[in-house]
N, C-alpha and C. Protein backbone atom coordinates (compact mmCIF):
# COMPACT_ATOMS: atom_id res chain seq x y z
N UNK A 1 84.61 124.69 72.62
CA UNK A 1 84.78 124.40 74.04
C UNK A 1 84.45 122.94 74.32
N UNK A 2 85.29 122.30 75.11
CA UNK A 2 85.07 120.90 75.45
C UNK A 2 84.07 120.84 76.59
N UNK A 3 82.89 120.29 76.30
CA UNK A 3 81.85 120.19 77.31
C UNK A 3 81.71 118.76 77.83
N UNK A 4 82.78 118.00 77.77
CA UNK A 4 82.77 116.64 78.30
C UNK A 4 83.23 116.67 79.75
N UNK A 5 82.43 116.08 80.63
CA UNK A 5 82.74 116.05 82.05
C UNK A 5 82.86 114.59 82.51
N UNK A 6 83.76 114.37 83.45
CA UNK A 6 84.05 113.00 83.92
C UNK A 6 84.12 113.03 85.44
N UNK A 7 83.27 112.19 86.08
CA UNK A 7 83.22 112.18 87.54
C UNK A 7 83.31 110.74 88.05
N UNK A 8 84.04 110.57 89.12
CA UNK A 8 84.20 109.24 89.71
C UNK A 8 82.91 108.81 90.39
N UNK A 9 82.54 107.55 90.17
CA UNK A 9 81.35 106.98 90.80
C UNK A 9 81.75 106.00 91.90
N UNK A 10 82.93 105.44 91.82
CA UNK A 10 83.38 104.49 92.83
C UNK A 10 84.18 103.37 92.21
N UNK A 11 84.30 102.27 92.93
CA UNK A 11 85.10 101.13 92.47
C UNK A 11 84.24 99.87 92.49
N UNK A 12 84.51 98.99 91.53
CA UNK A 12 83.77 97.75 91.39
C UNK A 12 84.75 96.59 91.29
N UNK A 13 84.33 95.43 91.77
CA UNK A 13 85.14 94.23 91.66
C UNK A 13 84.53 93.31 90.62
N UNK A 14 85.37 92.86 89.67
CA UNK A 14 84.90 91.94 88.63
C UNK A 14 85.93 90.85 88.44
N UNK A 15 85.56 89.63 88.80
CA UNK A 15 86.43 88.46 88.65
C UNK A 15 87.79 88.68 89.31
N UNK A 16 87.76 89.25 90.51
CA UNK A 16 88.98 89.44 91.28
C UNK A 16 89.79 90.66 90.91
N UNK A 17 89.30 91.46 89.99
CA UNK A 17 90.03 92.67 89.57
C UNK A 17 89.24 93.91 89.95
N UNK A 18 89.95 94.94 90.40
CA UNK A 18 89.32 96.18 90.83
C UNK A 18 89.23 97.16 89.66
N UNK A 19 88.03 97.72 89.45
CA UNK A 19 87.78 98.66 88.36
C UNK A 19 87.26 99.98 88.91
N UNK A 20 87.81 101.09 88.40
CA UNK A 20 87.28 102.41 88.71
C UNK A 20 86.13 102.72 87.75
N UNK A 21 85.04 103.25 88.30
CA UNK A 21 83.85 103.55 87.50
C UNK A 21 83.69 105.07 87.41
N UNK A 22 83.42 105.57 86.20
CA UNK A 22 83.25 107.00 85.98
C UNK A 22 81.94 107.27 85.23
N UNK A 23 81.31 108.37 85.57
CA UNK A 23 80.18 108.87 84.80
C UNK A 23 80.71 109.96 83.87
N UNK A 24 80.48 109.78 82.57
CA UNK A 24 80.96 110.75 81.58
C UNK A 24 79.74 111.39 80.92
N UNK A 25 79.70 112.71 80.92
CA UNK A 25 78.59 113.45 80.30
C UNK A 25 79.14 114.42 79.27
N UNK A 26 78.34 114.68 78.23
CA UNK A 26 78.75 115.66 77.22
C UNK A 26 77.52 116.28 76.58
N UNK A 27 77.71 117.46 76.04
CA UNK A 27 76.64 118.24 75.43
C UNK A 27 76.73 118.14 73.92
N UNK A 28 75.63 117.78 73.25
CA UNK A 28 75.65 117.67 71.80
C UNK A 28 75.28 119.00 71.15
N UNK A 29 75.25 119.02 69.84
CA UNK A 29 75.00 120.27 69.11
C UNK A 29 73.59 120.81 69.31
N UNK A 30 72.67 119.96 69.68
CA UNK A 30 71.30 120.40 69.92
C UNK A 30 71.06 120.78 71.37
N UNK A 31 72.14 120.88 72.13
CA UNK A 31 72.09 121.29 73.53
C UNK A 31 71.43 120.27 74.44
N UNK A 32 71.53 118.98 74.07
CA UNK A 32 71.03 117.91 74.93
C UNK A 32 72.22 117.22 75.57
N UNK A 33 72.03 116.80 76.81
CA UNK A 33 73.10 116.15 77.54
C UNK A 33 73.03 114.64 77.39
N UNK A 34 74.17 114.03 77.09
CA UNK A 34 74.30 112.58 77.00
C UNK A 34 75.17 112.09 78.17
N UNK A 35 74.96 110.84 78.56
CA UNK A 35 75.77 110.28 79.64
C UNK A 35 76.02 108.80 79.46
N UNK A 36 77.22 108.36 79.84
CA UNK A 36 77.55 106.94 79.80
C UNK A 36 78.54 106.63 80.92
N UNK A 37 78.75 105.34 81.18
CA UNK A 37 79.70 104.92 82.19
C UNK A 37 80.97 104.41 81.51
N UNK A 38 82.11 104.76 82.12
CA UNK A 38 83.40 104.28 81.65
C UNK A 38 84.09 103.56 82.80
N UNK A 39 84.79 102.47 82.47
CA UNK A 39 85.44 101.65 83.49
C UNK A 39 86.92 101.48 83.15
N UNK A 40 87.76 101.64 84.18
CA UNK A 40 89.20 101.51 83.97
C UNK A 40 89.78 100.56 85.01
N UNK A 41 90.56 99.55 84.59
CA UNK A 41 91.15 98.62 85.57
C UNK A 41 92.16 99.33 86.46
N UNK A 42 92.39 98.74 87.61
CA UNK A 42 93.28 99.35 88.60
C UNK A 42 94.65 99.63 88.04
N UNK A 43 95.20 98.72 87.21
CA UNK A 43 96.54 98.90 86.66
C UNK A 43 96.53 99.52 85.28
N UNK A 44 95.38 100.05 84.87
CA UNK A 44 95.29 100.65 83.53
C UNK A 44 95.85 102.05 83.51
N UNK A 45 96.91 102.25 82.75
CA UNK A 45 97.50 103.57 82.69
C UNK A 45 97.19 104.31 81.41
N UNK A 46 96.59 103.64 80.43
CA UNK A 46 96.35 104.25 79.13
C UNK A 46 94.89 104.15 78.76
N UNK A 47 94.45 105.01 77.82
CA UNK A 47 93.06 105.05 77.44
C UNK A 47 92.54 103.76 76.85
N UNK A 48 93.42 102.99 76.18
CA UNK A 48 92.95 101.76 75.55
C UNK A 48 92.51 100.72 76.57
N UNK A 49 92.92 100.88 77.84
CA UNK A 49 92.55 99.93 78.87
C UNK A 49 91.10 100.10 79.31
N UNK A 50 90.49 101.22 79.00
CA UNK A 50 89.14 101.50 79.44
C UNK A 50 88.10 100.83 78.55
N UNK A 51 86.96 100.53 79.15
CA UNK A 51 85.79 100.09 78.41
C UNK A 51 84.64 101.00 78.80
N UNK A 52 83.64 101.09 77.95
CA UNK A 52 82.54 102.00 78.22
C UNK A 52 81.22 101.42 77.75
N UNK A 53 80.15 101.94 78.31
CA UNK A 53 78.82 101.57 77.85
C UNK A 53 78.44 102.43 76.66
N UNK A 54 77.30 102.15 76.08
CA UNK A 54 76.73 103.06 75.10
C UNK A 54 76.21 104.30 75.83
N UNK A 55 75.74 105.29 75.11
CA UNK A 55 75.16 106.48 75.73
C UNK A 55 73.81 106.10 76.34
N UNK A 56 73.81 105.89 77.64
CA UNK A 56 72.62 105.41 78.33
C UNK A 56 71.62 106.53 78.60
N UNK A 57 72.13 107.70 78.95
CA UNK A 57 71.26 108.81 79.37
C UNK A 57 71.16 109.88 78.29
N UNK A 58 70.00 110.48 78.18
CA UNK A 58 69.77 111.63 77.30
C UNK A 58 68.77 112.53 78.00
N UNK A 59 69.25 113.68 78.51
CA UNK A 59 68.41 114.57 79.31
C UNK A 59 68.64 116.03 78.92
N UNK A 60 67.74 116.88 79.38
CA UNK A 60 67.87 118.31 79.11
C UNK A 60 68.95 118.96 79.97
N UNK A 61 69.18 118.39 81.15
CA UNK A 61 70.17 118.96 82.06
C UNK A 61 71.17 117.90 82.50
N UNK A 62 72.37 118.34 82.78
CA UNK A 62 73.40 117.43 83.26
C UNK A 62 73.08 116.93 84.67
N UNK A 63 72.48 117.79 85.47
CA UNK A 63 72.15 117.40 86.84
C UNK A 63 71.17 116.24 86.88
N UNK A 64 70.26 116.15 85.91
CA UNK A 64 69.31 115.05 85.87
C UNK A 64 70.02 113.73 85.56
N UNK A 65 71.01 113.78 84.67
CA UNK A 65 71.80 112.57 84.40
C UNK A 65 72.56 112.15 85.65
N UNK A 66 73.15 113.12 86.33
CA UNK A 66 73.91 112.82 87.53
C UNK A 66 73.01 112.18 88.59
N UNK A 67 71.80 112.70 88.73
CA UNK A 67 70.86 112.16 89.72
C UNK A 67 70.49 110.72 89.40
N UNK A 68 70.17 110.46 88.13
CA UNK A 68 69.78 109.11 87.72
C UNK A 68 70.94 108.13 87.85
N UNK A 69 72.14 108.57 87.46
CA UNK A 69 73.30 107.68 87.50
C UNK A 69 73.63 107.28 88.93
N UNK A 70 73.56 108.22 89.85
CA UNK A 70 73.94 107.93 91.24
C UNK A 70 72.84 107.18 91.99
N UNK A 71 71.68 107.06 91.39
CA UNK A 71 70.61 106.28 92.02
C UNK A 71 70.71 104.80 91.66
N UNK A 72 71.59 104.47 90.71
CA UNK A 72 71.75 103.07 90.32
C UNK A 72 72.51 102.30 91.39
N UNK A 73 72.13 101.08 91.63
CA UNK A 73 72.79 100.25 92.63
C UNK A 73 74.05 99.61 92.09
N UNK A 74 74.87 99.12 93.00
CA UNK A 74 76.13 98.47 92.62
C UNK A 74 75.92 97.23 91.74
N UNK A 75 74.91 96.39 92.01
CA UNK A 75 74.71 95.23 91.13
C UNK A 75 74.49 95.62 89.67
N UNK A 76 73.73 96.70 89.44
CA UNK A 76 73.49 97.13 88.07
C UNK A 76 74.77 97.67 87.43
N UNK A 77 75.56 98.41 88.19
CA UNK A 77 76.82 98.93 87.66
C UNK A 77 77.77 97.78 87.31
N UNK A 78 77.81 96.75 88.16
CA UNK A 78 78.65 95.59 87.87
C UNK A 78 78.17 94.86 86.63
N UNK A 79 76.84 94.84 86.43
CA UNK A 79 76.29 94.24 85.22
C UNK A 79 76.68 95.02 83.98
N UNK A 80 76.70 96.35 84.09
CA UNK A 80 77.10 97.19 82.96
C UNK A 80 78.58 96.98 82.65
N UNK A 81 79.41 96.81 83.67
CA UNK A 81 80.83 96.54 83.46
C UNK A 81 81.02 95.22 82.73
N UNK A 82 80.33 94.17 83.20
CA UNK A 82 80.46 92.86 82.57
C UNK A 82 79.99 92.91 81.13
N UNK A 83 78.90 93.64 80.87
CA UNK A 83 78.38 93.76 79.51
C UNK A 83 79.37 94.50 78.61
N UNK A 84 79.99 95.56 79.14
CA UNK A 84 80.96 96.33 78.35
C UNK A 84 82.18 95.49 78.01
N UNK A 85 82.64 94.68 78.96
CA UNK A 85 83.79 93.80 78.70
C UNK A 85 83.44 92.75 77.65
N UNK A 86 82.24 92.22 77.74
CA UNK A 86 81.80 91.22 76.76
C UNK A 86 81.74 91.83 75.36
N UNK A 87 81.21 93.04 75.28
CA UNK A 87 81.12 93.71 73.99
C UNK A 87 82.49 93.98 73.40
N UNK A 88 83.44 94.41 74.25
CA UNK A 88 84.80 94.67 73.77
C UNK A 88 85.45 93.40 73.26
N UNK A 89 85.36 92.32 74.03
CA UNK A 89 86.03 91.07 73.64
C UNK A 89 85.40 90.47 72.39
N UNK A 90 84.12 90.72 72.19
CA UNK A 90 83.44 90.16 71.02
C UNK A 90 83.73 90.96 69.76
N UNK A 91 83.86 92.28 69.90
CA UNK A 91 83.95 93.13 68.72
C UNK A 91 85.37 93.48 68.33
N UNK A 92 86.33 93.43 69.28
CA UNK A 92 87.69 93.84 68.96
C UNK A 92 88.50 92.65 68.45
N UNK A 93 89.72 92.94 68.03
CA UNK A 93 90.59 91.88 67.54
C UNK A 93 91.34 91.18 68.67
N UNK A 94 91.02 91.56 69.91
CA UNK A 94 91.65 90.93 71.06
C UNK A 94 92.92 91.60 71.51
N UNK A 95 93.41 92.60 70.81
CA UNK A 95 94.69 93.21 71.15
C UNK A 95 94.71 93.85 72.53
N UNK A 96 93.73 94.70 72.89
CA UNK A 96 93.77 95.28 74.23
C UNK A 96 93.72 94.22 75.32
N UNK A 97 92.90 93.19 75.11
CA UNK A 97 92.80 92.13 76.10
C UNK A 97 94.13 91.39 76.23
N UNK A 98 94.81 91.15 75.12
CA UNK A 98 96.07 90.43 75.15
C UNK A 98 97.11 91.21 75.95
N UNK A 99 97.25 92.49 75.67
CA UNK A 99 98.24 93.30 76.38
C UNK A 99 97.91 93.36 77.87
N UNK A 100 96.64 93.55 78.21
CA UNK A 100 96.24 93.62 79.61
C UNK A 100 96.49 92.30 80.33
N UNK A 101 96.23 91.19 79.63
CA UNK A 101 96.45 89.88 80.26
C UNK A 101 97.92 89.69 80.62
N UNK A 102 98.82 90.08 79.73
CA UNK A 102 100.24 89.97 80.01
C UNK A 102 100.64 90.85 81.19
N UNK A 103 100.13 92.05 81.24
CA UNK A 103 100.48 92.97 82.33
C UNK A 103 100.02 92.41 83.67
N UNK A 104 98.80 91.86 83.70
CA UNK A 104 98.28 91.31 84.95
C UNK A 104 99.07 90.07 85.37
N UNK A 105 99.40 89.22 84.41
CA UNK A 105 100.15 88.02 84.71
C UNK A 105 101.53 88.37 85.27
N UNK A 106 102.21 89.33 84.64
CA UNK A 106 103.53 89.74 85.10
C UNK A 106 103.46 90.42 86.46
N UNK A 107 102.42 91.22 86.68
CA UNK A 107 102.28 91.91 87.97
C UNK A 107 102.11 90.91 89.11
N UNK A 108 101.30 89.87 88.88
CA UNK A 108 101.09 88.86 89.92
C UNK A 108 102.40 88.15 90.24
N UNK A 109 103.15 87.77 89.22
CA UNK A 109 104.41 87.06 89.44
C UNK A 109 105.44 87.96 90.11
N UNK A 110 105.48 89.22 89.69
CA UNK A 110 106.44 90.15 90.27
C UNK A 110 106.17 90.37 91.76
N UNK A 111 104.91 90.55 92.10
CA UNK A 111 104.55 90.80 93.50
C UNK A 111 104.81 89.57 94.36
N UNK A 112 104.60 88.39 93.78
CA UNK A 112 104.88 87.16 94.53
C UNK A 112 106.37 87.04 94.82
N UNK A 113 107.20 87.41 93.85
CA UNK A 113 108.65 87.35 94.06
C UNK A 113 109.13 88.41 95.04
N UNK A 114 108.56 89.61 94.94
CA UNK A 114 109.02 90.72 95.77
C UNK A 114 108.53 90.62 97.21
N UNK A 115 107.34 90.03 97.40
CA UNK A 115 106.80 89.94 98.75
C UNK A 115 106.33 91.30 99.24
N UNK A 116 106.38 91.49 100.55
CA UNK A 116 105.90 92.72 101.17
C UNK A 116 107.05 93.69 101.36
N UNK A 117 107.01 94.78 100.59
CA UNK A 117 108.08 95.78 100.71
C UNK A 117 108.09 96.42 102.09
N UNK A 118 106.95 96.50 102.74
CA UNK A 118 106.87 97.19 104.03
C UNK A 118 107.63 96.45 105.12
N UNK A 119 107.93 95.18 104.88
CA UNK A 119 108.68 94.42 105.87
C UNK A 119 110.17 94.74 105.82
N UNK A 120 110.61 95.41 104.75
CA UNK A 120 112.04 95.69 104.62
C UNK A 120 112.43 96.88 105.50
N UNK A 121 113.69 96.87 105.95
CA UNK A 121 114.21 97.98 106.74
C UNK A 121 114.66 99.10 105.82
N UNK A 122 115.36 100.07 106.37
CA UNK A 122 115.74 101.25 105.61
C UNK A 122 116.88 101.02 104.64
N UNK A 123 117.34 102.14 104.04
CA UNK A 123 118.38 102.10 103.03
C UNK A 123 119.69 101.52 103.61
N UNK A 124 120.39 100.77 102.75
CA UNK A 124 121.73 100.33 103.12
C UNK A 124 121.80 99.15 104.07
N UNK A 125 120.65 98.66 104.55
CA UNK A 125 120.67 97.54 105.48
C UNK A 125 121.01 96.26 104.73
N UNK A 126 121.84 95.41 105.33
CA UNK A 126 122.23 94.17 104.67
C UNK A 126 121.01 93.27 104.46
N UNK A 127 121.06 92.51 103.39
CA UNK A 127 119.95 91.65 103.02
C UNK A 127 120.50 90.33 102.53
N UNK A 128 119.79 89.25 102.82
CA UNK A 128 120.25 87.94 102.37
C UNK A 128 120.32 87.90 100.85
N UNK A 129 121.30 87.13 100.35
CA UNK A 129 121.52 87.04 98.91
C UNK A 129 120.29 86.46 98.21
N UNK A 130 119.64 85.48 98.81
CA UNK A 130 118.46 84.87 98.19
C UNK A 130 117.32 85.88 98.05
N UNK A 131 117.20 86.75 99.07
CA UNK A 131 116.17 87.79 99.02
C UNK A 131 116.49 88.81 97.91
N UNK A 132 117.74 89.16 97.79
CA UNK A 132 118.14 90.09 96.74
C UNK A 132 117.87 89.50 95.35
N UNK A 133 118.15 88.23 95.19
CA UNK A 133 117.92 87.61 93.87
C UNK A 133 116.43 87.54 93.54
N UNK A 134 115.58 87.34 94.54
CA UNK A 134 114.13 87.34 94.31
C UNK A 134 113.67 88.74 93.89
N UNK A 135 114.20 89.76 94.55
CA UNK A 135 113.83 91.13 94.20
C UNK A 135 114.36 91.50 92.81
N UNK A 136 115.52 90.98 92.46
CA UNK A 136 116.07 91.24 91.13
C UNK A 136 115.20 90.59 90.05
N UNK A 137 114.73 89.37 90.31
CA UNK A 137 113.83 88.71 89.35
C UNK A 137 112.52 89.49 89.23
N UNK A 138 112.03 90.01 90.37
CA UNK A 138 110.82 90.83 90.35
C UNK A 138 111.05 92.11 89.53
N UNK A 139 112.21 92.72 89.72
CA UNK A 139 112.58 93.93 88.97
C UNK A 139 112.58 93.68 87.46
N UNK A 140 113.13 92.57 87.04
CA UNK A 140 113.19 92.25 85.61
C UNK A 140 111.79 92.06 85.03
N UNK A 141 110.90 91.40 85.78
CA UNK A 141 109.53 91.26 85.31
C UNK A 141 108.82 92.61 85.24
N UNK A 142 109.12 93.49 86.21
CA UNK A 142 108.53 94.82 86.18
C UNK A 142 108.94 95.59 84.92
N UNK A 143 110.17 95.41 84.49
CA UNK A 143 110.64 96.11 83.29
C UNK A 143 109.91 95.60 82.05
N UNK A 144 109.66 94.31 81.99
CA UNK A 144 108.89 93.76 80.87
C UNK A 144 107.46 94.28 80.91
N UNK A 145 106.86 94.29 82.10
CA UNK A 145 105.50 94.77 82.28
C UNK A 145 105.37 96.23 81.86
N UNK A 146 106.34 97.05 82.28
CA UNK A 146 106.33 98.47 81.93
C UNK A 146 106.47 98.66 80.42
N UNK A 147 107.36 97.89 79.82
CA UNK A 147 107.56 97.97 78.38
C UNK A 147 106.27 97.63 77.63
N UNK A 148 105.59 96.56 78.04
CA UNK A 148 104.35 96.15 77.37
C UNK A 148 103.30 97.24 77.48
N UNK A 149 103.24 97.91 78.64
CA UNK A 149 102.25 98.97 78.85
C UNK A 149 102.47 100.14 77.90
N UNK A 150 103.70 100.33 77.45
CA UNK A 150 104.03 101.47 76.58
C UNK A 150 103.79 101.16 75.10
N UNK A 151 103.56 99.90 74.78
CA UNK A 151 103.36 99.49 73.38
C UNK A 151 101.88 99.54 73.04
N UNK A 152 101.55 100.08 71.87
CA UNK A 152 100.15 100.11 71.43
C UNK A 152 99.60 98.69 71.33
N UNK A 153 98.33 98.48 71.68
CA UNK A 153 97.77 97.12 71.67
C UNK A 153 97.93 96.40 70.33
N UNK A 154 97.67 97.09 69.23
CA UNK A 154 97.80 96.45 67.93
C UNK A 154 99.23 96.05 67.62
N UNK A 155 100.18 96.91 68.01
CA UNK A 155 101.59 96.59 67.78
C UNK A 155 102.03 95.42 68.65
N UNK A 156 101.50 95.37 69.88
CA UNK A 156 101.86 94.26 70.75
C UNK A 156 101.31 92.95 70.20
N UNK A 157 100.09 92.98 69.68
CA UNK A 157 99.51 91.78 69.07
C UNK A 157 100.38 91.29 67.92
N UNK A 158 100.84 92.21 67.09
CA UNK A 158 101.69 91.84 65.96
C UNK A 158 103.02 91.27 66.44
N UNK A 159 103.57 91.88 67.50
CA UNK A 159 104.84 91.40 68.03
C UNK A 159 104.70 89.98 68.59
N UNK A 160 103.61 89.72 69.30
CA UNK A 160 103.38 88.38 69.84
C UNK A 160 103.27 87.36 68.72
N UNK A 161 102.56 87.73 67.65
CA UNK A 161 102.43 86.82 66.51
C UNK A 161 103.80 86.48 65.92
N UNK A 162 104.67 87.47 65.82
CA UNK A 162 106.00 87.23 65.27
C UNK A 162 106.86 86.38 66.20
N UNK A 163 106.78 86.68 67.51
CA UNK A 163 107.57 85.91 68.47
C UNK A 163 107.16 84.44 68.46
N UNK A 164 105.87 84.21 68.34
CA UNK A 164 105.35 82.83 68.34
C UNK A 164 105.37 82.22 66.95
N UNK A 165 105.92 82.94 65.99
CA UNK A 165 106.06 82.44 64.62
C UNK A 165 104.73 81.99 64.03
N UNK A 166 103.72 82.86 64.22
CA UNK A 166 102.43 82.60 63.60
C UNK A 166 101.47 81.75 64.40
N UNK A 167 101.92 81.21 65.54
CA UNK A 167 101.01 80.41 66.37
C UNK A 167 99.96 81.32 67.00
N UNK A 168 98.71 80.90 67.01
CA UNK A 168 97.64 81.71 67.59
C UNK A 168 97.73 81.69 69.11
N UNK A 169 97.56 82.87 69.71
CA UNK A 169 97.58 82.97 71.18
C UNK A 169 96.16 82.74 71.67
N UNK A 170 95.85 81.51 72.06
CA UNK A 170 94.50 81.13 72.47
C UNK A 170 94.42 81.15 73.99
N UNK A 171 93.52 82.02 74.55
CA UNK A 171 93.42 82.15 76.00
C UNK A 171 92.92 80.86 76.66
N UNK A 172 92.31 79.98 75.90
CA UNK A 172 91.80 78.74 76.46
C UNK A 172 92.70 77.55 76.23
N UNK A 173 93.84 77.76 75.58
CA UNK A 173 94.72 76.64 75.24
C UNK A 173 95.46 76.12 76.47
N UNK A 174 95.78 74.83 76.46
CA UNK A 174 96.50 74.22 77.57
C UNK A 174 97.93 74.73 77.67
N UNK A 175 98.50 75.10 76.53
CA UNK A 175 99.89 75.56 76.53
C UNK A 175 99.98 77.08 76.57
N UNK A 176 98.94 77.74 77.13
CA UNK A 176 98.93 79.20 77.22
C UNK A 176 100.13 79.71 78.00
N UNK A 177 100.41 79.12 79.16
CA UNK A 177 101.53 79.58 79.98
C UNK A 177 102.85 79.41 79.25
N UNK A 178 103.00 78.31 78.54
CA UNK A 178 104.24 78.07 77.79
C UNK A 178 104.43 79.15 76.73
N UNK A 179 103.37 79.47 75.99
CA UNK A 179 103.46 80.51 74.96
C UNK A 179 103.76 81.87 75.59
N UNK A 180 103.11 82.15 76.71
CA UNK A 180 103.32 83.45 77.34
C UNK A 180 104.76 83.60 77.83
N UNK A 181 105.34 82.53 78.36
CA UNK A 181 106.72 82.61 78.81
C UNK A 181 107.69 82.79 77.65
N UNK A 182 107.36 82.23 76.49
CA UNK A 182 108.19 82.45 75.30
C UNK A 182 108.22 83.93 74.96
N UNK A 183 107.06 84.59 75.05
CA UNK A 183 106.97 86.02 74.74
C UNK A 183 107.75 86.84 75.78
N UNK A 184 107.54 86.53 77.06
CA UNK A 184 108.23 87.27 78.13
C UNK A 184 109.74 87.11 78.01
N UNK A 185 110.21 85.89 77.79
CA UNK A 185 111.65 85.65 77.68
C UNK A 185 112.25 86.40 76.49
N UNK A 186 111.52 86.45 75.38
CA UNK A 186 112.02 87.15 74.20
C UNK A 186 112.16 88.65 74.49
N UNK A 187 111.11 89.24 75.09
CA UNK A 187 111.15 90.68 75.38
C UNK A 187 112.27 90.99 76.37
N UNK A 188 112.36 90.18 77.44
CA UNK A 188 113.36 90.44 78.48
C UNK A 188 114.77 90.37 77.90
N UNK A 189 115.00 89.44 76.97
CA UNK A 189 116.33 89.28 76.40
C UNK A 189 116.75 90.47 75.55
N UNK A 190 115.79 91.29 75.12
CA UNK A 190 116.09 92.45 74.28
C UNK A 190 116.05 93.78 75.04
N UNK A 191 115.81 93.72 76.35
CA UNK A 191 115.82 94.94 77.16
C UNK A 191 117.22 95.15 77.75
N UNK A 192 117.69 96.40 77.80
CA UNK A 192 119.03 96.68 78.35
C UNK A 192 119.02 96.67 79.88
N UNK A 193 118.88 95.49 80.47
CA UNK A 193 118.80 95.37 81.92
C UNK A 193 120.18 95.19 82.53
N UNK A 194 120.41 95.76 83.71
CA UNK A 194 121.73 95.63 84.35
C UNK A 194 121.95 94.24 84.90
N UNK A 195 123.20 93.78 84.98
CA UNK A 195 123.49 92.49 85.62
C UNK A 195 123.17 92.56 87.11
N UNK A 196 123.04 91.40 87.72
CA UNK A 196 122.62 91.34 89.12
C UNK A 196 123.52 92.17 90.04
N UNK A 197 124.83 92.07 89.87
CA UNK A 197 125.75 92.75 90.78
C UNK A 197 125.56 94.28 90.73
N UNK A 198 125.42 94.81 89.50
CA UNK A 198 125.22 96.26 89.34
C UNK A 198 123.89 96.69 89.94
N UNK A 199 122.85 95.90 89.65
CA UNK A 199 121.53 96.22 90.19
C UNK A 199 121.51 96.19 91.70
N UNK A 200 122.11 95.15 92.30
CA UNK A 200 122.08 94.98 93.75
C UNK A 200 122.75 96.16 94.46
N UNK A 201 123.86 96.62 93.92
CA UNK A 201 124.55 97.77 94.53
C UNK A 201 123.67 99.01 94.50
N UNK A 202 123.03 99.25 93.36
CA UNK A 202 122.16 100.42 93.25
C UNK A 202 120.91 100.25 94.11
N UNK A 203 120.36 99.04 94.17
CA UNK A 203 119.15 98.79 94.95
C UNK A 203 119.39 99.06 96.43
N UNK A 204 120.50 98.57 96.98
CA UNK A 204 120.77 98.75 98.39
C UNK A 204 121.02 100.20 98.76
N UNK A 205 121.40 101.00 97.78
CA UNK A 205 121.64 102.42 98.02
C UNK A 205 120.37 103.25 97.87
N UNK A 206 119.49 102.81 97.00
CA UNK A 206 118.26 103.58 96.70
C UNK A 206 117.01 102.71 96.82
N UNK A 207 116.92 102.00 97.93
CA UNK A 207 115.84 101.03 98.08
C UNK A 207 114.45 101.69 98.02
N UNK A 208 114.30 102.85 98.60
CA UNK A 208 112.99 103.50 98.63
C UNK A 208 112.52 103.87 97.22
N UNK A 209 113.46 104.17 96.31
CA UNK A 209 113.10 104.50 94.94
C UNK A 209 112.49 103.28 94.23
N UNK A 210 113.08 102.12 94.48
CA UNK A 210 112.56 100.89 93.87
C UNK A 210 111.19 100.54 94.44
N UNK A 211 111.02 100.75 95.73
CA UNK A 211 109.72 100.46 96.36
C UNK A 211 108.64 101.36 95.77
N UNK A 212 108.96 102.64 95.59
CA UNK A 212 108.00 103.57 95.02
C UNK A 212 107.66 103.21 93.58
N UNK A 213 108.67 102.80 92.83
CA UNK A 213 108.44 102.40 91.44
C UNK A 213 107.48 101.22 91.37
N UNK A 214 107.74 100.19 92.18
CA UNK A 214 106.90 98.99 92.17
C UNK A 214 105.47 99.34 92.60
N UNK A 215 105.35 100.20 93.60
CA UNK A 215 104.02 100.58 94.08
C UNK A 215 103.25 101.32 92.98
N UNK A 216 103.91 102.24 92.30
CA UNK A 216 103.26 103.01 91.24
C UNK A 216 102.85 102.12 90.08
N UNK A 217 103.73 101.19 89.71
CA UNK A 217 103.45 100.33 88.57
C UNK A 217 102.29 99.38 88.82
N UNK A 218 102.17 98.85 90.04
CA UNK A 218 101.20 97.80 90.30
C UNK A 218 99.98 98.23 91.11
N UNK A 219 100.11 99.29 91.92
CA UNK A 219 99.02 99.59 92.83
C UNK A 219 98.42 100.99 92.67
N UNK A 220 99.16 101.92 92.12
CA UNK A 220 98.66 103.29 92.04
C UNK A 220 97.76 103.53 90.85
N UNK A 221 97.65 102.55 89.94
CA UNK A 221 96.77 102.71 88.80
C UNK A 221 97.29 103.63 87.72
N UNK A 222 98.61 103.83 87.67
CA UNK A 222 99.22 104.66 86.63
C UNK A 222 100.64 104.17 86.38
N UNK A 223 101.21 104.64 85.27
CA UNK A 223 102.58 104.23 84.96
C UNK A 223 103.57 105.15 85.67
N UNK A 224 104.72 104.60 86.09
CA UNK A 224 105.74 105.42 86.75
C UNK A 224 106.26 106.52 85.84
C-alpha cells in the first residue's frame, strides 16, 4: 500500500517566479512518519521540474508532522526553496535547469508577442494583419516550448550540445541569447508547423481554442 501523502502548503515567490509548495509525508517500515517539502514551478508539468528538501521531519504520527510544518513561517519556507534549488544546481548535470530555462524564456517571449488575449473579441471577428502575424509568431514559440517540455532533461541537454556543435551552454556567457536562439531556430525548423495563411484561417475560426491552449501552457501549471 502506498502510504505517501501530498498536501498543498501554498505558493512562494523566488526571483520573480511562482512556486507551489507541498508537504509530503510517508510511512517507513518501522512505522515512523517522515516528512519533507517539495516545490514545483508554476509552469512545471513534469516531475523533473520539482525540487525537494531532505527528510526534515521524523515523528510517530503524521498529524504531528503536519502541525510542525504548518507552523513554519513563509521566510523559512522560502529559505528551504532557495536551498533546494542550490543543491539541485550544484549536484546535477544542469539538464533540468537548462530545459526549464528555455521554457521560461520562450514563455516570456510568446506572451509578449501575444499580448492580452482577453482584449480580443469573439470568434470570426476581423483582425489587423500585423496582429495576426504577432499571434502566429507567438504560436510558433509555443510549439517549441511545448516540444521542449516533452523531452527528457538529459536528452534535451544532449540535443543542445549537438545543435551547438559541442559549444558549452554557459548561463553566464555574454552570447547566451545568441546560443539560445540557435537552438530555438533549429528546433522550430524541424517542427511540422503550418504556414501563416493556413494557421490564420484556422485561428480566426477557432480563436477560443488557441486562447485556452496558451493559457494552459503558460499559466495553468500543466501541459495542454
